Amino acid sequence: MGALQRIALLLTIIGAINWGLIGFFQFDLVAAIFGGQDSVWSRIIYSLVGIAGLINLALLFKPAAELGRTEPKTSRT
């Protein structure tokens, strides 16, 4: 997994946590930190999280070998 995908995954996780807070507690952490949903900074964060989600969408369609998954090695003794 490259650096861009790791950053995208981190932003996607942040977005998921924010949506969880909204769903469970009606609290938008991004808006609280950056001055409301209509502030420029909040919109930038929301946009970055959305782009990160699109980048991570590609992970659904990658073969397992490209994701670094390998079968466990067994030793014959």
N, C-alpha and C. Protein backbone atom coordinates (compact mmCIF):
# COMPACT_ATOMS: atom_id res chain seq x y z
N MET A 1 0.86 -1.17 0.00
CA MET A 1 0.00 0.00 0.00
C MET A 1 0.91 1.23 0.00
N GLY A 2 0.66 2.11 -0.93
CA GLY A 2 1.48 3.31 -1.05
C GLY A 2 1.11 4.37 -0.04
N ALA A 3 1.93 5.40 0.00
CA ALA A 3 1.73 6.49 0.96
C ALA A 3 0.40 7.21 0.72
N LEU A 4 0.06 7.42 -0.55
CA LEU A 4 -1.21 8.10 -0.85
C LEU A 4 -2.40 7.30 -0.34
N GLN A 5 -2.36 5.99 -0.53
CA GLN A 5 -3.47 5.16 -0.05
C GLN A 5 -3.52 5.12 1.47
N ARG A 6 -2.38 5.16 2.13
CA ARG A 6 -2.38 5.18 3.59
C ARG A 6 -2.98 6.48 4.12
N ILE A 7 -2.62 7.60 3.50
CA ILE A 7 -3.20 8.89 3.89
C ILE A 7 -4.69 8.89 3.62
N ALA A 8 -5.08 8.36 2.46
CA ALA A 8 -6.50 8.29 2.12
C ALA A 8 -7.25 7.41 3.11
N LEU A 9 -6.64 6.30 3.50
CA LEU A 9 -7.28 5.42 4.48
C LEU A 9 -7.44 6.12 5.82
N LEU A 10 -6.42 6.86 6.24
CA LEU A 10 -6.51 7.61 7.50
C LEU A 10 -7.63 8.64 7.44
N LEU A 11 -7.73 9.38 6.33
CA LEU A 11 -8.81 10.37 6.19
C LEU A 11 -10.18 9.70 6.16
N THR A 12 -10.26 8.53 5.54
CA THR A 12 -11.52 7.81 5.50
C THR A 12 -11.93 7.36 6.89
N ILE A 13 -10.97 6.92 7.69
CA ILE A 13 -11.27 6.51 9.07
C ILE A 13 -11.72 7.72 9.88
N ILE A 14 -11.06 8.86 9.70
CA ILE A 14 -11.48 10.08 10.39
C ILE A 14 -12.92 10.43 10.01
N GLY A 15 -13.22 10.32 8.72
CA GLY A 15 -14.59 10.60 8.26
C GLY A 15 -15.60 9.63 8.86
N ALA A 16 -15.22 8.37 8.95
CA ALA A 16 -16.12 7.37 9.53
C ALA A 16 -16.38 7.66 11.01
N ILE A 17 -15.34 8.05 11.72
CA ILE A 17 -15.51 8.40 13.13
C ILE A 17 -16.42 9.61 13.27
N ASN A 18 -16.22 10.60 12.40
CA ASN A 18 -17.07 11.80 12.44
C ASN A 18 -18.53 11.43 12.18
N TRP A 19 -18.77 10.57 11.17
CA TRP A 19 -20.15 10.15 10.89
C TRP A 19 -20.73 9.35 12.05
N GLY A 20 -19.91 8.56 12.72
CA GLY A 20 -20.38 7.84 13.90
C GLY A 20 -20.79 8.79 15.01
N LEU A 21 -19.99 9.84 15.21
CA LEU A 21 -20.34 10.84 16.22
C LEU A 21 -21.64 11.55 15.86
N ILE A 22 -21.81 11.84 14.58
CA ILE A 22 -23.05 12.49 14.14
C ILE A 22 -24.24 11.56 14.38
N GLY A 23 -24.08 10.30 14.01
CA GLY A 23 -25.17 9.35 14.15
C GLY A 23 -25.56 9.05 15.58
N PHE A 24 -24.56 8.87 16.43
CA PHE A 24 -24.84 8.48 17.81
C PHE A 24 -25.13 9.66 18.73
N PHE A 25 -24.43 10.77 18.52
CA PHE A 25 -24.51 11.88 19.47
C PHE A 25 -24.93 13.21 18.86
N GLN A 26 -25.22 13.23 17.56
CA GLN A 26 -25.57 14.46 16.85
C GLN A 26 -24.50 15.52 17.07
N PHE A 27 -23.23 15.09 17.00
CA PHE A 27 -22.10 15.98 17.20
C PHE A 27 -21.16 15.88 16.02
N ASP A 28 -20.98 16.97 15.29
CA ASP A 28 -20.09 17.01 14.14
C ASP A 28 -18.74 17.56 14.60
N LEU A 29 -17.77 16.67 14.78
CA LEU A 29 -16.46 17.05 15.30
C LEU A 29 -15.72 17.99 14.35
N VAL A 30 -15.80 17.74 13.06
CA VAL A 30 -15.13 18.60 12.08
C VAL A 30 -15.68 20.02 12.16
N ALA A 31 -16.99 20.13 12.20
CA ALA A 31 -17.61 21.46 12.30
C ALA A 31 -17.25 22.14 13.62
N ALA A 32 -17.19 21.37 14.69
CA ALA A 32 -16.85 21.95 15.99
C ALA A 32 -15.41 22.47 16.02
N ILE A 33 -14.51 21.75 15.38
CA ILE A 33 -13.10 22.16 15.39
C ILE A 33 -12.85 23.32 14.44
N PHE A 34 -13.48 23.29 13.27
CA PHE A 34 -13.14 24.25 12.21
C PHE A 34 -14.16 25.36 12.02
N GLY A 35 -15.09 25.55 12.94
CA GLY A 35 -15.95 26.72 12.91
C GLY A 35 -17.26 26.56 12.18
N GLY A 36 -17.86 25.41 12.21
CA GLY A 36 -19.18 25.21 11.60
C GLY A 36 -19.08 24.56 10.23
N GLN A 37 -20.21 24.01 9.79
CA GLN A 37 -20.23 23.29 8.52
C GLN A 37 -20.01 24.19 7.32
N ASP A 38 -20.31 25.46 7.45
CA ASP A 38 -20.20 26.37 6.31
C ASP A 38 -18.84 27.05 6.20
N SER A 39 -17.95 26.82 7.17
CA SER A 39 -16.64 27.47 7.10
C SER A 39 -15.80 26.85 5.98
N VAL A 40 -14.88 27.62 5.47
CA VAL A 40 -14.03 27.16 4.38
C VAL A 40 -13.21 25.95 4.81
N TRP A 41 -12.67 25.99 6.02
CA TRP A 41 -11.84 24.89 6.50
C TRP A 41 -12.62 23.59 6.65
N SER A 42 -13.83 23.68 7.14
CA SER A 42 -14.66 22.47 7.26
C SER A 42 -14.96 21.90 5.89
N ARG A 43 -15.27 22.75 4.95
CA ARG A 43 -15.56 22.27 3.59
C ARG A 43 -14.34 21.62 2.97
N ILE A 44 -13.14 22.15 3.26
CA ILE A 44 -11.92 21.53 2.75
C ILE A 44 -11.74 20.14 3.35
N ILE A 45 -11.95 20.02 4.66
CA ILE A 45 -11.82 18.71 5.32
C ILE A 45 -12.85 17.73 4.77
N TYR A 46 -14.10 18.16 4.64
CA TYR A 46 -15.14 17.29 4.07
C TYR A 46 -14.76 16.85 2.66
N SER A 47 -14.22 17.76 1.87
CA SER A 47 -13.82 17.44 0.50
C SER A 47 -12.67 16.44 0.47
N LEU A 48 -11.68 16.64 1.34
CA LEU A 48 -10.56 15.71 1.40
C LEU A 48 -11.00 14.32 1.83
N VAL A 49 -11.92 14.25 2.78
CA VAL A 49 -12.44 12.95 3.22
C VAL A 49 -13.20 12.28 2.08
N GLY A 50 -13.97 13.06 1.32
CA GLY A 50 -14.69 12.50 0.17
C GLY A 50 -13.76 11.98 -0.90
N ILE A 51 -12.70 12.73 -1.20
CA ILE A 51 -11.72 12.28 -2.19
C ILE A 51 -11.00 11.03 -1.69
N ALA A 52 -10.70 11.01 -0.40
CA ALA A 52 -10.05 9.83 0.19
C ALA A 52 -10.94 8.59 0.05
N GLY A 53 -12.23 8.77 0.25
CA GLY A 53 -13.16 7.65 0.07
C GLY A 53 -13.14 7.13 -1.35
N LEU A 54 -13.05 8.02 -2.32
CA LEU A 54 -12.99 7.60 -3.72
C LEU A 54 -11.68 6.86 -4.02
N ILE A 55 -10.59 7.34 -3.44
CA ILE A 55 -9.31 6.65 -3.63
C ILE A 55 -9.37 5.26 -3.03
N ASN A 56 -9.95 5.14 -1.84
CA ASN A 56 -10.04 3.84 -1.19
C ASN A 56 -11.04 2.91 -1.84
N LEU A 57 -11.93 3.46 -2.63
CA LEU A 57 -12.87 2.62 -3.36
C LEU A 57 -12.12 1.65 -4.27
N ALA A 58 -10.98 2.06 -4.77
CA ALA A 58 -10.17 1.20 -5.62
C ALA A 58 -9.68 -0.04 -4.87
N LEU A 59 -9.54 0.06 -3.55
CA LEU A 59 -9.10 -1.10 -2.76
C LEU A 59 -10.07 -2.27 -2.85
N LEU A 60 -11.33 -1.98 -3.07
CA LEU A 60 -12.33 -3.05 -3.17
C LEU A 60 -12.10 -3.95 -4.38
N PHE A 61 -11.49 -3.40 -5.40
CA PHE A 61 -11.36 -4.13 -6.65
C PHE A 61 -9.96 -4.65 -6.92
N LYS A 62 -9.03 -4.45 -5.99
CA LYS A 62 -7.67 -4.95 -6.15
C LYS A 62 -7.61 -6.41 -5.72
N PRO A 63 -6.87 -7.20 -6.46
CA PRO A 63 -6.68 -8.59 -6.02
C PRO A 63 -5.92 -8.62 -4.70
N ALA A 64 -6.11 -9.68 -3.94
CA ALA A 64 -5.49 -9.80 -2.63
C ALA A 64 -3.97 -9.77 -2.73
N ALA A 65 -3.40 -10.29 -3.80
CA ALA A 65 -1.94 -10.30 -3.96
C ALA A 65 -1.38 -8.89 -4.01
N GLU A 66 -2.11 -7.96 -4.61
CA GLU A 66 -1.64 -6.58 -4.70
C GLU A 66 -1.76 -5.85 -3.37
N LEU A 67 -2.59 -6.33 -2.49
CA LEU A 67 -2.77 -5.69 -1.19
C LEU A 67 -1.74 -6.18 -0.17
N GLY A 68 -0.89 -7.10 -0.59
CA GLY A 68 0.15 -7.58 0.31
C GLY A 68 -0.27 -8.79 1.11
N ARG A 69 -1.41 -9.36 0.82
CA ARG A 69 -1.84 -10.56 1.53
C ARG A 69 -1.19 -11.76 0.89
N THR A 70 -0.66 -12.59 1.72
CA THR A 70 -0.07 -13.84 1.24
C THR A 70 -0.60 -14.97 2.08
N GLU A 71 -0.53 -16.14 1.51
CA GLU A 71 -0.95 -17.32 2.25
C GLU A 71 0.10 -17.63 3.31
N PRO A 72 -0.31 -18.12 4.45
CA PRO A 72 0.67 -18.47 5.47
C PRO A 72 1.57 -19.58 4.97
N LYS A 73 2.86 -19.45 5.27
CA LYS A 73 3.82 -20.47 4.84
C LYS A 73 3.78 -21.62 5.82
N THR A 74 3.76 -22.81 5.27
CA THR A 74 3.79 -24.00 6.10
C THR A 74 5.11 -24.70 5.86
N SER A 75 5.67 -25.20 6.92
CA SER A 75 6.93 -25.92 6.77
C SER A 75 6.67 -27.40 6.88
N ARG A 76 7.36 -28.12 6.03
CA ARG A 76 7.24 -29.59 6.07
C ARG A 76 8.42 -30.14 6.84
N THR A 77 8.10 -30.85 7.90
CA THR A 77 9.18 -31.43 8.70
C THR A 77 9.11 -32.92 8.74
